[in-house]
Amino acid sequence: MRSITKFHKRFAIGLISMVTLSLWADTSTSNSDKSELTLLEVPDVSKEELLDKQKNLARWHMGATLYDASENFLSPVSWQEADSTDTMGSLMTDDPTASFDVKPGEYRFVVDLNDSFMVNRFNFKNFTSLGSVQLYYSPSLEAPDASSWKSAAPADKFGLNQVVSPKFKPFQARYLMAHLVIDQAGVIGNMGAFGNLSVAEVRMREQKRDENIAANTASSTKSKPVKFNYASAHADSRVSYVSSGQADYAMSMIDDDVESFYDFDSSDQENVVIVDLSDQREVNSVSMLFESGPGNFDFYVVNKLPDDVKDVLDRQEKDAAKKADSSTTKADDDMAMIFNRGQWEPLLLAQNGDDALSSIVNFAGDAIFSTISLPGDFFSELSPTVEQKVDGSAERFRIDFSNLTGRFLIIRFMPDPGSGATLRIYEISLMGDIIADEDGPVERITAFSLFGGAGAAGLAPPPTQVLAPPAPPPNVRPPPPVSP
């Protein structure tokens, strides 16, 4: 039942993509004729999909901690280093362009996930280095040569411009160690660790997180700003519209997972994405991890969309409110709840079985066939917030700008004429400053699970001390890195 439904759903998406492209070909021959641009309305993400989508656990905002264990002891890495895109602290940010330079030798990164999880995936993007990685896990925080560290899988070699994702059997642990042996100097991207905590469960803490941010921002003179990605699925953002492609995979662009991506149709004259941030956000940088040919990116941070687009959003909100008002189901104290599009809803899939699943798919199926049109003069009357020219060899960039407030992020890619350039997006990030005190970022979310996941094996005890040697006396140089 489920596999057939997904097949029909994807077939419908492909069909509507072809119809949309046909409409585009008939009505849009050049930018100068001011033709309307038809966009696909991305279906609302179902409860089932949110529960299936894993949250990246190796993040400062999840309460994770990073240690440098390259020299056989644990040296804590400050979360304040996350401000820079080229320091070790950037390995746990959700900026997809974050990177860290590695030289020939060995590196050991230990991650404290802040709770015990059933971990089933680990990954990072390797940009320009060559080497291998081996993953270890431990129930307690120990020196990297301690016997408590168990190997999850044999060493896995990696090459240039590769998403590194070693294969292993799931394991229960709080502490992970990635042992990298670098043969050729280069650059690696931020890390990802995934387990039994879903985006749906993290969304449930969004209101509390925003309250903490607001409270701490009031005392910003004593605190330090750090970057937070508002254009992410766990922050209740969603991709609302795309110009082409399989729209039910659009969340791949904002899921903080470098293994997923979104492809636009190769016949597009231009590619457009609209991300709804769910509320007005103060932001100051945009970044992307992508593949494309030569062309130009325009980014627009706006507070409203054209009237016909707004009408679709209003209809969705009214339908959701009407559905909530007509519901006679009362949630028991121990009933699983989910935070979906700004409201709490009971999770009834387990009780209603295929009926509930069918209703979700049918609702999404209706949305698949919805399209909206941007007025032909929409972009000509709107100045980009920032622009980025690419030559086809770039795969990431970050652009900083002055603080501004917006509800929607619009991305427009225009390939160079005759280039035949296509676009694949791995991750989009729209960052803003939040306030953090000396204990760490205030948006920190306590890792938990309503479904018997995180913490089921018991919370691992926190370390009683930092396993690092005393600081060397003046004028004494530390020992060199361990060589392979």
Foldseek 3Di string as FASTA:
>chain_A
DVVVLVVVLLVLQQVLQVVLVVVCVVFPDDLVVFGWFKWAFFFFDDPVNQQVQWAFLLAQQQVKWKFKQLPQFTDTDDCVVCQDLADPNVLRHLFFSRKYWDAAFKTKMKMQSQFKFFWFKKKWWAAAWWWKKWKWFAQADDGPVDPRTDTQDDIGTDHHGDIDIDGGHTDIHRMMMIMIGTPHIDMIHHMTITGNDGLQNLLVCLVVLVVLLVVVVVVQVQWDWDKDFLQAVSNVKDWGIKSHFRSNLRNLAHHSDLVGKTWGDLPDQKIKIKMFSLDKDKFWKKKFFKFKAWWKKFKAFAADAPPQVVVVVVVVVVVVVVVVVPDPDDDDPLFDWTQGSHDIDTDCCVPPPPVVVVVSSVSSSVSRNDMDIHGSCNVVVDHGPDMDTDHRPDRMDMDGGDIDIHRMMMMMIRHDPPPSMIMMTRYMGTIDITTDHPVGGSSHDHDDDSPCGICVVHTRDHDPDRGDDDDDDPPDDDDDGHHD
